[in-house]
Amino acid sequence: MSIAIEPPETTINQEGKQFSPVAIMFCVIIGVIILLMIPLKLPVGPMYWDLIVYIDGAYRVSIGQVPSVDFFAPVGPLAYWLVAPLLTTFNNAQPLLLVQWSLLLVSAPPMFVILAHVNHRSRSTAFALLLPFLFFQLSPMNVEQYSSYPSVDGYGIYNRHTSVLLYILVCGLIFIRGQRLLFIVVTWTCLALFLLKITGFIAAGLLCTFAFVAGRISMRVALGIVAAFLLALIALDAALGVVRAYLADILLLVRLNEGNLLSRFLQAGSLHFGILAPAAALSIALFVLKIGDSPIGQESPVAPAYGALARKLDNNSPWLAVAILAGLFFETQNTGGQALILIWPVLLSVLLGVHRLSGASLILVLSLIGAAALPPFINVAHRMARALVVQAKFVDVPNEGLKTLGQVTQRPEIVERAVKMRAVYTRFPETFRFLADSNLLPAFTLYSELDFQVGWLMAADEAVQAIRNYESANNIQFKTIMSLNFVNPFPFLLNRDATRHIAIGADPSRAVPAPDAETLAAVSKTDLILYPTCPITDANDALLSLHRSAMATHRPVVLSACWRGYMRQ
C-alpha cells in the first residue's frame, strides 16, 4: 500500500496563514492564559487529593526546596518545576487546570516544530496531529472511570502528561523527515520524559531504539541525542544535585513496589483491552495483507544505508506493534491516565493510505482504526461534557481558608453527606479506631468516594482555621508544619515552611521509605505535626509510627474535633 501525500503548498495566502495549525495552536495557548486568570470552579472527583501532591511539591520549589534533594517525591522534578512559577503568576487559577495545562511549557515547543514541518507538506495531516494533542493536553480527564457521578480527575495527572509527551515523540518519529528537526524533538521530549516519569522515559527508549534500527534516526543523530541528553543531565546535577538524588529515589520506589511484571502487564492489558485488541488486530492485518508500507508512504532518507532489515521494520505494522508494546509497558505502573494515545500517529499513517484499498480490506482496516482510536476520545469527551454540563446544578464546597484549592463544587447531596459523615467520625471514633487496628478502611474504595474527597477538603479548611485560632489564642506561630496524612497542603495554605526530607504523596504502602537520620532530625525540628481523625485510618497510623521516634519532644494538643496536633516544645 503506497500512501499519497498532498503536494507541498508553494503559496499560502494571508487567510491560509491565519488558519494554519501553528496559528491555531498559538491562539489556543493565548486562550489558556486567559482562562488561568479567571477563578473557575470544577467538580471534585475521585482521588482528587492527588492534585495536592503537585501543589505541595510546587510550593516547596517556590520556597527554595529541590525535588529529591529536599523531599522525596513519587515522580520526577519536572512536575513541580513547571507548576511552581505558575502558582504565583496565576493566583486565581483553578489548581487542576493550572497543573494540567502547565505541561504546555514543555509540550508546545516540540509540537510547534512538528506542525510547522508537517504543514509544509500537508495542512490536513498537520491538523490531524494537532487536534488530538490539544484535546488530550487540555482535558483534565482520564480514560478510566472511578465514579459514576460527573466530576474531574485530580489523580493520574503525571500519567496524562507522560502520555501527551509520548504522543509528541511518536508524531516526530513518524512524520519528521529532517534529521536536525528530529534531533530537537527527540532530545527535548526524552529529557522531559526522564524528568517527569521514569517509566515514560523507558517507553520512549523502546520507541527511539526501534526508530534507530528501522533507519528513522541516523547514527550521527542518535549519538548527538545521547550526548545532548547526558550533557543536560550533568548540567542539572552540577547545579542542583537533583539527578543523582532522583535516581536514588527511583531505586527506592522500585524496592517499595517490587512485584511481578507479568501480572502488571496482564492487569494493564485487561483494563485497556478495548483499545489493545483492535490495535493489535490492525497490526496483524497490515502484516498479513501486506499493506503495512512505510509510515506516511515515504521511506526514511537514512533507511537505505541500513539495509533490508531497516526497510522491513520501517512499516506501519511493526511501528504499530512497537507503539502498543511501549504504551502497554507504561500503563503497567498506572492507576489512571490517557492510555495508549501514542498509537494515534501510527493510526493516522495507516489512514492516509486507505483510499488505495477496496472491498473487504478497506472495511477491515477502517473498522480496526476506529475501534482502536475512538475509545479514549469518547470516554474522555463524554466525561468532560458531563462534568461541565451539570455544573449549574452543583454547589460550592464550603471553605474559607483553602485559597484556590477551594474553587470546587459537587452535588448538594454529596456535600451534605460529607457534613454528616464528619459528625459520624467525631461521635463514634471507637468504630474507626477498631477498623484501623484491623487494617481496614471504612469503605473498600474510600479514597475514590466523592463524599470523602469533599469531606477531606472541608476538614483541611477546618485545620487551617483551628491553627490560626490556636496561634492567636496563645500568641505563637508555627513556622514549620507537617501532616501525618497522604497530602499536606498546610504550608501552602498558611504560607509556612514545609518539613524537609519527608515524602510527599505519603502512601506508606508504596511511596514512603523508612525515615533515615536526616529525615528524623527534620521531623524533630518541625513546629507542628498534624494528625487527622476524620476518619482515623491505618495509613495515618502507619505514618505516625514511622515518625514517632522523632516526636519525643512534641506534646499533643487538640486543635479541633478532626485534628490532633503535636507541638514542638
Protein backbone atom coordinates (compact mmCIF):
# COMPACT_ATOMS: atom_id res chain seq x y z
CA MET A 1 0.00 0.00 0.00
CA SER A 2 1.52 3.28 -1.05
CA ILE A 3 0.27 6.34 0.74
CA ALA A 4 -0.30 9.52 -1.17
CA ILE A 5 0.96 12.73 0.32
CA GLU A 6 -0.52 16.06 -0.53
CA PRO A 7 1.86 18.18 -2.61
CA PRO A 8 3.79 20.93 -0.85
CA GLU A 9 1.91 24.19 -0.67
CA THR A 10 4.10 26.59 -2.56
CA THR A 11 1.88 29.60 -1.97
CA ILE A 12 -0.15 30.38 1.09
CA ASN A 13 -2.36 33.43 1.14
CA GLN A 14 -2.90 35.59 4.18
CA GLU A 15 -6.11 33.79 5.14
CA GLY A 16 -4.27 30.46 4.98
CA LYS A 17 -1.62 31.70 7.36
CA GLN A 18 -4.26 32.82 9.85
CA PHE A 19 -5.82 29.36 9.88
CA SER A 20 -2.65 27.31 9.85
CA PRO A 21 -2.23 24.68 12.60
CA VAL A 22 0.61 26.70 14.11
CA ALA A 23 -1.58 29.80 14.32
CA ILE A 24 -4.47 27.83 15.80
CA MET A 25 -2.21 26.36 18.46
CA PHE A 26 -0.85 29.79 19.30
CA CYS A 27 -4.42 31.11 19.73
CA VAL A 28 -5.30 28.18 21.98
CA ILE A 29 -2.33 28.95 24.22
CA ILE A 30 -3.47 32.57 24.48
CA GLY A 31 -6.91 31.25 25.44
CA VAL A 32 -5.36 29.04 28.12
CA ILE A 33 -3.54 32.03 29.62
CA ILE A 34 -6.81 33.99 29.75
CA LEU A 35 -8.69 31.11 31.41
CA LEU A 36 -5.96 30.78 34.04
CA MET A 37 -6.62 34.38 35.05
CA ILE A 38 -10.27 33.60 35.83
CA PRO A 39 -11.33 31.94 39.13
CA LEU A 40 -13.08 28.95 37.54
CA LYS A 41 -14.56 26.07 39.51
CA LEU A 42 -14.63 22.33 38.78
CA PRO A 43 -16.48 19.41 40.43
CA VAL A 44 -14.43 17.32 42.86
CA GLY A 45 -13.68 13.84 41.53
CA PRO A 46 -12.39 10.54 42.93
CA MET A 47 -8.92 10.63 44.49
CA TYR A 48 -8.97 14.39 43.87
CA TRP A 49 -6.45 14.94 46.67
CA ASP A 50 -3.68 13.66 44.38
CA LEU A 51 -3.74 17.18 42.97
CA ILE A 52 -2.47 18.47 46.30
CA VAL A 53 0.74 16.47 45.86
CA TYR A 54 1.51 18.75 42.92
CA ILE A 55 0.62 21.87 44.90
CA ASP A 56 2.72 20.75 47.86
CA GLY A 57 5.73 19.99 45.66
CA ALA A 58 5.39 23.19 43.64
CA TYR A 59 5.09 25.29 46.79
CA ARG A 60 8.21 23.64 48.20
CA VAL A 61 10.07 24.56 44.98
CA SER A 62 8.84 28.14 45.28
CA ILE A 63 10.37 28.45 48.77
CA GLY A 64 13.71 27.08 47.61
CA GLN A 65 13.47 23.31 48.07
CA VAL A 66 14.78 20.96 45.38
CA PRO A 67 12.80 17.80 44.48
CA SER A 68 14.51 14.54 45.51
CA VAL A 69 17.18 16.56 47.34
CA ASP A 70 14.93 18.24 49.93
CA PHE A 71 11.88 15.98 49.72
CA PHE A 72 11.01 12.50 48.47
CA ALA A 73 8.60 12.66 45.50
CA PRO A 74 6.58 9.98 43.69
CA VAL A 75 7.56 11.38 40.26
CA GLY A 76 10.33 13.43 38.70
CA PRO A 77 11.20 17.08 39.46
CA LEU A 78 9.77 18.48 36.22
CA ALA A 79 6.22 18.09 37.54
CA TYR A 80 6.91 20.63 40.29
CA TRP A 81 9.26 22.89 38.37
CA LEU A 82 6.54 23.55 35.81
CA VAL A 83 3.83 24.37 38.34
CA ALA A 84 5.89 26.44 40.80
CA PRO A 85 6.19 29.66 38.73
CA LEU A 86 2.59 29.40 37.54
CA LEU A 87 1.32 29.02 41.10
CA THR A 88 2.35 32.59 41.91
CA THR A 89 1.77 34.05 38.43
CA PHE A 90 -1.84 32.85 38.16
CA ASN A 91 -3.05 33.17 41.74
CA ASN A 92 -6.74 32.90 40.75
CA ALA A 93 -6.41 29.81 38.56
CA GLN A 94 -8.34 26.65 39.31
CA PRO A 95 -5.47 24.43 40.52
CA LEU A 96 -6.34 21.33 38.48
CA LEU A 97 -6.44 23.37 35.27
CA LEU A 98 -3.20 25.08 36.27
CA VAL A 99 -1.44 21.76 36.81
CA GLN A 100 -2.96 20.08 33.74
CA TRP A 101 -2.05 22.95 31.43
CA SER A 102 1.40 23.53 32.94
CA LEU A 103 2.74 20.83 30.61
CA LEU A 104 2.25 23.22 27.68
CA LEU A 105 5.53 24.83 28.77
CA VAL A 106 7.35 21.73 27.51
CA SER A 107 4.80 20.11 25.17
CA ALA A 108 4.10 23.16 22.99
CA PRO A 109 7.67 23.82 21.69
CA PRO A 110 8.22 20.39 20.06
CA MET A 111 4.65 20.38 18.80
CA PHE A 112 5.23 23.73 17.09
CA VAL A 113 8.27 22.22 15.36
CA ILE A 114 6.29 19.17 14.20
CA LEU A 115 3.32 21.18 12.97
CA ALA A 116 5.44 23.67 11.04
CA HIS A 117 7.33 20.82 9.38
CA VAL A 118 4.27 18.71 8.52
CA ASN A 119 2.17 21.71 7.48
CA HIS A 120 4.68 22.45 4.72
CA ARG A 121 3.71 19.14 3.07
CA SER A 122 0.10 18.68 4.14
CA ARG A 123 -2.08 21.01 6.16
CA SER A 124 -4.75 18.38 6.73
CA THR A 125 -2.17 15.97 8.19
CA ALA A 126 -0.86 18.73 10.46
CA PHE A 127 -4.38 19.37 11.74
CA ALA A 128 -4.88 15.63 12.24
CA LEU A 129 -1.85 15.69 14.57
CA LEU A 130 -2.79 18.96 16.29
CA LEU A 131 -6.39 18.23 17.27
CA PRO A 132 -5.74 15.05 19.34
CA PHE A 133 -2.81 16.81 21.02
CA LEU A 134 -4.95 19.77 22.07
CA PHE A 135 -7.86 17.57 23.15
CA PHE A 136 -5.84 15.36 25.48
CA GLN A 137 -3.45 18.09 26.63
CA LEU A 138 -6.32 20.35 27.73
CA SER A 139 -8.69 17.75 29.21
CA PRO A 140 -8.24 17.05 32.96
CA MET A 141 -9.77 13.62 32.47
CA ASN A 142 -8.57 10.03 32.47
CA VAL A 143 -9.77 7.20 30.27
CA GLU A 144 -10.50 5.18 33.43
CA GLN A 145 -13.60 5.98 35.50
CA TYR A 146 -13.76 5.51 39.26
CA SER A 147 -17.06 7.30 39.89
CA SER A 148 -20.39 7.20 38.10
CA TYR A 149 -21.08 10.81 39.08
CA PRO A 150 -19.89 13.76 36.95
CA SER A 151 -16.55 15.09 38.13
CA VAL A 152 -12.97 15.80 37.05
CA ASP A 153 -9.86 13.74 37.74
CA GLY A 154 -7.30 15.19 40.13
CA TYR A 155 -5.35 11.90 40.04
CA GLY A 156 -3.16 10.41 37.31
CA ILE A 157 -2.08 13.86 36.14
CA TYR A 158 1.55 12.88 35.64
CA ASN A 159 0.36 9.85 33.65
CA ARG A 160 -1.69 12.11 31.40
CA HIS A 161 1.30 14.40 30.95
CA THR A 162 3.56 11.48 30.10
CA SER A 163 1.04 10.13 27.58
CA VAL A 164 0.95 13.51 25.81
CA LEU A 165 4.75 13.63 25.59
CA LEU A 166 4.87 10.09 24.22
CA TYR A 167 2.27 11.12 21.63
CA ILE A 168 4.52 14.02 20.58
CA LEU A 169 7.54 11.73 20.39
CA VAL A 170 5.74 9.28 18.08
CA CYS A 171 4.48 12.19 15.94
CA GLY A 172 8.09 13.27 15.49
CA LEU A 173 9.45 9.81 14.79
CA ILE A 174 6.76 9.06 12.21
CA PHE A 175 6.21 12.39 10.47
CA ILE A 176 9.52 14.30 10.67
CA ARG A 177 11.98 13.51 7.87
CA GLY A 178 14.63 16.12 8.58
CA GLN A 179 17.31 14.76 10.91
CA ARG A 180 18.05 18.13 12.52
CA LEU A 181 14.42 18.64 13.48
CA LEU A 182 14.22 15.05 14.68
CA PHE A 183 17.26 15.67 16.89
CA ILE A 184 15.49 18.63 18.52
CA VAL A 185 12.17 16.89 19.07
CA VAL A 186 13.61 13.60 20.35
CA THR A 187 16.14 15.21 22.68
CA TRP A 188 13.57 17.61 24.11
CA THR A 189 10.82 15.05 24.69
CA CYS A 190 13.14 12.36 26.07
CA LEU A 191 14.69 14.80 28.53
CA ALA A 192 11.21 15.92 29.62
CA LEU A 193 10.05 12.31 29.99
CA PHE A 194 13.10 11.38 32.07
CA LEU A 195 12.47 14.30 34.43
CA LEU A 196 8.74 13.61 34.59
CA LYS A 197 8.24 9.85 35.00
CA ILE A 198 10.88 7.19 34.50
CA THR A 199 8.52 4.56 33.08
CA GLY A 200 7.56 7.01 30.34
CA PHE A 201 11.24 7.53 29.58
CA ILE A 202 11.77 3.76 29.30
CA ALA A 203 8.82 3.54 26.90
CA ALA A 204 10.39 6.37 24.89
CA GLY A 205 13.69 4.48 24.86
CA LEU A 206 11.95 1.49 23.26
CA LEU A 207 10.41 3.73 20.59
CA CYS A 208 13.67 5.54 19.85
CA THR A 209 15.64 2.31 19.69
CA PHE A 210 13.19 0.91 17.17
CA ALA A 211 13.33 4.15 15.17
CA PHE A 212 17.11 3.86 15.04
CA VAL A 213 17.06 0.20 13.95
CA ALA A 214 14.36 0.98 11.38
CA GLY A 215 16.50 3.73 9.90
CA ARG A 216 14.43 6.70 11.00
CA ILE A 217 17.32 8.09 13.07
CA SER A 218 20.84 8.15 11.68
CA MET A 219 23.84 7.03 13.72
CA ARG A 220 25.15 10.59 13.87
CA VAL A 221 21.87 11.99 15.14
CA ALA A 222 21.46 9.12 17.63
CA LEU A 223 24.88 9.85 19.13
CA GLY A 224 24.04 13.55 19.19
CA ILE A 225 20.79 12.88 21.05
CA VAL A 226 22.56 10.75 23.66
CA ALA A 227 25.33 13.36 24.07
CA ALA A 228 22.90 16.27 24.41
CA PHE A 229 20.74 14.32 26.84
CA LEU A 230 23.68 13.41 29.07
CA LEU A 231 25.12 16.93 28.96
CA ALA A 232 21.78 18.36 30.08
CA LEU A 233 21.57 15.93 32.99
CA ILE A 234 25.19 16.62 34.00
CA ALA A 235 24.49 20.35 34.00
CA LEU A 236 21.34 19.89 36.10
CA ASP A 237 23.13 17.72 38.58
CA ALA A 238 26.07 20.09 38.84
CA ALA A 239 23.71 22.99 39.54
CA LEU A 240 21.20 21.32 41.87
CA GLY A 241 22.39 17.78 42.66
CA VAL A 242 18.97 16.66 41.54
CA VAL A 243 19.79 13.89 39.05
CA ARG A 244 21.68 11.63 41.45
CA ALA A 245 19.04 12.20 44.13
CA TYR A 246 16.26 11.48 41.63
CA LEU A 247 17.89 8.22 40.55
CA ALA A 248 18.26 7.22 44.20
CA ASP A 249 14.55 7.93 44.74
CA ILE A 250 13.69 5.77 41.73
CA LEU A 251 15.65 2.85 43.18
CA LEU A 252 13.84 3.29 46.49
CA LEU A 253 10.45 3.30 44.75
CA VAL A 254 11.38 0.16 42.80
CA ARG A 255 12.23 -1.62 46.04
CA LEU A 256 9.00 -0.40 47.67
CA ASN A 257 6.92 -1.58 44.71
CA GLU A 258 8.52 -4.89 43.83
CA GLY A 259 6.06 -7.14 42.06
CA ASN A 260 5.51 -9.47 39.16
CA LEU A 261 5.87 -7.51 35.92
CA LEU A 262 3.89 -10.15 34.02
CA SER A 263 0.91 -9.71 36.32
CA ARG A 264 1.10 -5.94 35.79
CA PHE A 265 1.08 -6.46 32.01
CA LEU A 266 -1.98 -8.68 32.35
CA GLN A 267 -3.70 -6.12 34.56
CA ALA A 268 -2.96 -3.24 32.17
CA GLY A 269 -3.96 -5.39 29.19
CA SER A 270 -7.30 -6.33 30.70
CA LEU A 271 -8.02 -2.74 31.75
CA HIS A 272 -7.37 -1.39 28.25
CA PHE A 273 -8.44 -4.43 26.24
CA GLY A 274 -10.92 -2.33 24.27
CA ILE A 275 -8.02 -0.37 22.75
CA LEU A 276 -5.35 -3.06 22.66
CA ALA A 277 -7.37 -5.77 20.90
CA PRO A 278 -8.32 -3.78 17.77
CA ALA A 279 -4.89 -2.12 17.61
CA ALA A 280 -3.11 -5.48 17.77
CA ALA A 281 -5.53 -6.93 15.23
CA LEU A 282 -4.81 -3.99 12.91
CA SER A 283 -1.07 -4.57 13.19
CA ILE A 284 -1.55 -8.25 12.30
CA ALA A 285 -3.92 -7.39 9.45
CA LEU A 286 -1.46 -4.92 7.95
CA PHE A 287 1.24 -7.60 8.05
CA VAL A 288 -0.87 -10.47 6.70
CA LEU A 289 -2.49 -8.41 3.95
CA LYS A 290 0.91 -6.89 3.10
CA ILE A 291 -0.45 -3.37 3.36
CA GLY A 292 1.98 -2.17 6.02
CA ASP A 293 4.03 0.22 3.93
CA SER A 294 6.43 2.76 5.37
CA PRO A 295 4.80 5.38 7.62
CA ILE A 296 3.35 8.24 5.59
CA GLY A 297 4.30 6.29 2.49
CA GLN A 298 7.86 7.58 2.35
CA GLU A 299 10.99 5.71 3.25
CA SER A 300 13.27 7.47 5.71
CA PRO A 301 16.19 9.16 3.97
CA VAL A 302 18.64 7.20 6.11
CA ALA A 303 16.91 3.81 5.81
CA PRO A 304 18.66 2.67 2.58
CA ALA A 305 22.01 2.78 4.34
CA TYR A 306 20.65 0.39 6.99
CA GLY A 307 19.79 -2.34 4.50
CA ALA A 308 16.90 -4.73 4.09
CA LEU A 309 16.15 -5.11 7.82
CA ALA A 310 15.50 -1.40 8.24
CA ARG A 311 13.26 -1.33 5.18
CA LYS A 312 11.22 -4.23 6.58
CA LEU A 313 10.91 -2.71 10.03
CA ASP A 314 10.07 0.79 8.85
CA ASN A 315 6.48 -0.13 8.10
CA ASN A 316 3.15 0.65 9.70
CA SER A 317 2.64 -2.87 11.03
CA PRO A 318 5.88 -3.08 13.09
CA TRP A 319 5.55 0.55 14.14
CA LEU A 320 2.07 -0.07 15.50
CA ALA A 321 3.22 -3.22 17.33
CA VAL A 322 6.11 -1.36 18.98
CA ALA A 323 3.88 1.58 19.92
CA ILE A 324 1.40 -0.83 21.52
CA LEU A 325 4.19 -2.53 23.49
CA ALA A 326 5.64 0.79 24.66
CA GLY A 327 2.22 2.09 25.66
CA LEU A 328 1.30 -1.11 27.46
CA PHE A 329 4.57 -1.11 29.40
CA PHE A 330 3.90 2.45 30.53
CA GLU A 331 0.39 1.52 31.65
CA THR A 332 1.68 -1.33 33.86
CA GLN A 333 2.58 1.26 36.51
CA ASN A 334 -0.51 3.48 36.20
CA THR A 335 -3.78 3.79 38.08
CA GLY A 336 -5.23 6.35 35.70
CA GLY A 337 -4.27 8.34 32.62
CA GLN A 338 -4.92 8.75 28.90
CA ALA A 339 -3.87 5.28 27.91
CA LEU A 340 -2.29 4.44 24.56
CA ILE A 341 -2.90 7.73 22.75
CA LEU A 342 0.67 7.34 21.45
CA ILE A 343 -0.65 4.91 18.81
CA TRP A 344 -2.71 7.65 17.15
CA PRO A 345 0.09 8.98 14.87
CA VAL A 346 0.62 5.43 13.56
CA LEU A 347 -3.13 5.02 13.00
CA LEU A 348 -3.08 8.29 11.08
CA SER A 349 -0.24 6.98 8.95
CA VAL A 350 -2.34 3.95 8.07
CA LEU A 351 -5.43 6.07 7.49
CA LEU A 352 -3.63 8.29 5.00
CA GLY A 353 -3.33 5.33 2.65
CA VAL A 354 -6.70 3.61 2.95
CA HIS A 355 -8.01 5.29 -0.20
CA ARG A 356 -5.93 2.77 -2.17
CA LEU A 357 -7.77 -0.14 -0.57
CA SER A 358 -11.12 -1.52 -1.59
CA GLY A 359 -13.68 -4.11 -0.61
CA ALA A 360 -13.21 -6.22 2.49
CA SER A 361 -9.66 -4.95 3.13
CA LEU A 362 -10.88 -1.36 3.27
CA ILE A 363 -13.76 -2.19 5.60
CA LEU A 364 -11.49 -4.24 7.88
CA VAL A 365 -8.76 -1.60 8.18
CA LEU A 366 -11.19 1.31 8.71
CA SER A 367 -13.13 -0.67 11.32
CA LEU A 368 -9.99 -1.55 13.29
CA ILE A 369 -8.65 2.02 13.10
CA GLY A 370 -11.93 3.34 14.50
CA ALA A 371 -12.13 0.67 17.18
CA ALA A 372 -8.59 1.45 18.38
CA ALA A 373 -8.78 5.24 18.17
CA LEU A 374 -12.28 6.08 19.39
CA PRO A 375 -12.47 4.58 22.95
CA PRO A 376 -10.10 7.05 24.69
CA PHE A 377 -11.59 10.01 22.83
CA ILE A 378 -15.19 9.00 23.51
CA ASN A 379 -14.54 8.22 27.20
CA VAL A 380 -12.74 11.48 27.89
CA ALA A 381 -15.12 13.63 25.81
CA HIS A 382 -18.20 12.08 27.41
CA ARG A 383 -16.94 12.50 30.95
CA MET A 384 -15.72 16.05 30.30
CA ALA A 385 -19.07 17.04 28.79
CA ARG A 386 -20.97 15.63 31.78
CA ALA A 387 -18.73 17.44 34.26
CA LEU A 388 -19.26 20.79 32.52
CA VAL A 389 -22.97 20.46 31.77
CA VAL A 390 -24.04 19.63 35.35
CA GLN A 391 -22.07 22.47 36.92
CA ALA A 392 -25.19 24.63 37.08
CA LYS A 393 -26.82 22.15 39.48
CA PHE A 394 -23.79 21.80 41.75
CA VAL A 395 -22.98 23.80 44.87
CA ASP A 396 -19.70 25.19 46.16
CA VAL A 397 -17.79 23.11 48.68
CA PRO A 398 -17.89 25.29 51.84
CA ASN A 399 -14.49 26.71 52.79
CA GLU A 400 -12.78 29.90 53.89
CA GLY A 401 -9.07 29.13 54.03
CA LEU A 402 -8.29 26.81 51.10
CA LYS A 403 -7.15 29.53 48.66
CA THR A 404 -7.58 28.27 45.08
CA LEU A 405 -7.93 24.69 46.33
CA GLY A 406 -11.40 25.78 47.43
CA GLN A 407 -12.54 26.52 43.86
CA VAL A 408 -14.51 23.29 43.67
CA THR A 409 -18.13 22.13 43.56
CA GLN A 410 -20.15 18.94 43.89
CA ARG A 411 -23.71 17.69 44.04
CA PRO A 412 -25.56 19.18 47.06
CA GLU A 413 -26.41 15.72 48.43
CA ILE A 414 -22.74 14.70 48.33
CA VAL A 415 -21.71 17.86 50.19
CA GLU A 416 -24.49 17.19 52.71
CA ARG A 417 -23.30 13.61 53.18
CA ALA A 418 -19.73 14.83 53.75
CA VAL A 419 -21.00 17.11 56.53
CA LYS A 420 -22.96 14.28 58.16
CA MET A 421 -20.04 11.85 57.89
CA ARG A 422 -17.86 14.31 59.82
CA ALA A 423 -20.38 14.04 62.66
CA VAL A 424 -20.19 10.25 62.46
CA TYR A 425 -16.37 10.30 62.60
CA THR A 426 -16.32 12.56 65.66
CA ARG A 427 -19.20 10.88 67.52
CA PHE A 428 -18.07 7.27 67.07
CA PRO A 429 -14.24 7.35 66.99
CA GLU A 430 -14.00 3.89 68.57
CA THR A 431 -15.58 2.34 65.46
CA PHE A 432 -12.95 3.80 63.17
CA ARG A 433 -10.18 3.00 65.64
CA PHE A 434 -11.29 -0.65 65.50
CA LEU A 435 -11.27 -0.58 61.69
CA ALA A 436 -7.80 1.00 61.59
CA ASP A 437 -6.44 -1.55 64.06
CA SER A 438 -7.87 -4.26 61.79
CA ASN A 439 -6.11 -2.71 58.77
CA LEU A 440 -9.46 -1.89 57.19
CA LEU A 441 -10.71 1.31 55.65
CA PRO A 442 -14.26 2.49 56.45
CA ALA A 443 -15.07 1.64 52.81
CA PHE A 444 -13.11 -0.57 50.41
CA THR A 445 -12.90 2.31 47.89
CA LEU A 446 -12.86 5.11 50.46
CA TYR A 447 -10.44 7.40 48.61
CA SER A 448 -12.48 7.12 45.41
CA GLU A 449 -15.68 8.18 47.16
CA LEU A 450 -16.69 11.74 46.30
CA ASP A 451 -18.05 12.48 49.77
CA PHE A 452 -14.68 11.51 51.28
CA GLN A 453 -12.81 13.87 48.95
CA VAL A 454 -15.27 16.69 49.64
CA GLY A 455 -15.13 15.96 53.36
CA TRP A 456 -11.34 15.95 53.31
CA LEU A 457 -11.26 19.42 51.74
CA MET A 458 -13.68 20.67 54.38
CA ALA A 459 -11.56 19.05 57.10
CA ALA A 460 -8.44 20.74 55.70
CA ASP A 461 -10.27 24.06 55.88
CA GLU A 462 -11.16 23.25 59.48
CA ALA A 463 -7.48 22.62 60.23
CA VAL A 464 -6.45 25.97 58.76
CA GLN A 465 -8.97 27.80 60.93
CA ALA A 466 -8.03 25.76 64.01
CA ILE A 467 -4.31 26.52 63.59
CA ARG A 468 -4.98 30.22 63.19
CA ASN A 469 -7.23 30.24 66.24
CA TYR A 470 -4.68 28.37 68.36
CA GLU A 471 -1.87 30.67 67.30
CA SER A 472 -3.96 33.75 68.05
CA ALA A 473 -5.08 32.46 71.46
CA ASN A 474 -1.54 31.51 72.51
CA ASN A 475 0.37 34.32 70.77
CA ILE A 476 2.63 31.93 68.82
CA GLN A 477 3.27 30.99 65.21
CA PHE A 478 4.15 27.56 63.86
CA LYS A 479 6.84 28.18 61.27
CA THR A 480 7.09 24.59 60.01
CA ILE A 481 4.06 22.34 59.52
CA MET A 482 3.88 18.65 58.65
CA SER A 483 0.87 16.35 58.22
CA LEU A 484 0.70 12.63 59.02
CA ASN A 485 -1.54 12.12 56.04
CA PHE A 486 -1.32 11.36 52.32
CA VAL A 487 -1.14 15.07 51.47
CA ASN A 488 -0.01 18.23 53.22
CA PRO A 489 -1.41 21.49 51.81
CA PHE A 490 -0.93 23.46 55.02
CA PRO A 491 2.44 25.12 54.34
CA PHE A 492 0.93 26.39 51.06
CA LEU A 493 -2.34 27.46 52.68
CA LEU A 494 -0.69 29.21 55.64
CA ASN A 495 2.48 30.44 53.89
CA ARG A 496 4.75 28.44 56.21
CA ASP A 497 7.82 26.27 55.74
CA ALA A 498 7.46 22.58 54.90
CA THR A 499 9.39 19.83 56.68
CA ARG A 500 12.33 18.72 54.57
CA HIS A 501 13.41 15.19 53.62
CA ILE A 502 9.96 13.63 54.07
CA ALA A 503 7.79 12.05 51.36
CA ILE A 504 5.04 13.98 49.63
CA GLY A 505 2.14 11.87 48.41
CA ALA A 506 2.76 9.82 51.55
CA ASP A 507 1.24 6.42 50.88
CA PRO A 508 3.01 4.21 53.46
CA SER A 509 2.18 1.06 51.48
CA ARG A 510 4.21 2.04 48.39
CA ALA A 511 5.70 5.55 48.47
CA VAL A 512 7.20 6.23 51.90
CA PRO A 513 10.68 4.85 52.60
CA ALA A 514 11.75 4.20 56.15
CA PRO A 515 12.97 7.55 57.53
CA ASP A 516 16.73 7.90 57.89
CA ALA A 517 18.58 10.00 60.45
CA GLU A 518 18.35 13.15 58.31
CA THR A 519 14.59 12.76 57.92
CA LEU A 520 14.03 12.09 61.61
CA ALA A 521 16.12 15.14 62.51
CA ALA A 522 13.99 17.31 60.23
CA VAL A 523 10.78 15.92 61.73
CA SER A 524 12.05 16.54 65.26
CA LYS A 525 12.55 20.23 64.38
CA THR A 526 9.06 20.63 62.95
CA ASP A 527 6.96 23.10 64.95
CA LEU A 528 3.58 21.44 64.34
CA ILE A 529 2.76 17.91 63.21
CA LEU A 530 -0.88 17.31 62.30
CA TYR A 531 -2.74 14.04 62.72
CA PRO A 532 -6.23 13.79 61.14
CA THR A 533 -9.00 11.87 62.89
CA CYS A 534 -11.91 12.28 60.44
CA PRO A 535 -11.64 9.39 59.92
CA ILE A 536 -8.89 7.51 61.75
CA THR A 537 -7.15 5.24 59.22
CA ASP A 538 -4.44 2.60 59.28
CA ALA A 539 -2.41 4.61 56.74
CA ASN A 540 -2.25 7.63 59.05
CA ASP A 541 -1.38 5.35 61.95
CA ALA A 542 1.47 3.89 59.88
CA LEU A 543 2.85 7.37 59.18
CA LEU A 544 2.64 8.19 62.88
CA SER A 545 4.54 5.01 63.76
CA LEU A 546 7.25 5.72 61.17
CA HIS A 547 7.97 9.16 62.62
CA ARG A 548 7.08 8.70 66.29
CA SER A 549 10.70 8.34 67.40
CA ALA A 550 11.37 11.87 66.16
CA MET A 551 8.37 13.28 68.07
CA ALA A 552 9.63 12.70 71.62
CA THR A 553 9.83 16.44 72.32
CA HIS A 554 6.41 17.17 70.83
CA ARG A 555 3.39 17.39 73.10
CA PRO A 556 -0.12 16.53 71.87
CA VAL A 557 -2.76 19.21 71.62
CA VAL A 558 -6.36 19.01 70.40
CA LEU A 559 -6.83 21.61 67.67
CA SER A 560 -10.37 20.65 66.63
CA ALA A 561 -12.74 17.71 66.54
CA CYS A 562 -10.98 16.38 63.42
CA TRP A 563 -7.38 17.34 64.11
CA ARG A 564 -4.86 16.44 66.76
CA GLY A 565 -1.60 18.35 66.78
CA TYR A 566 1.89 17.54 68.08
CA MET A 567 3.56 20.79 69.04
CA ARG A 568 7.33 21.09 69.44
CA GLN A 569 8.24 22.21 72.95
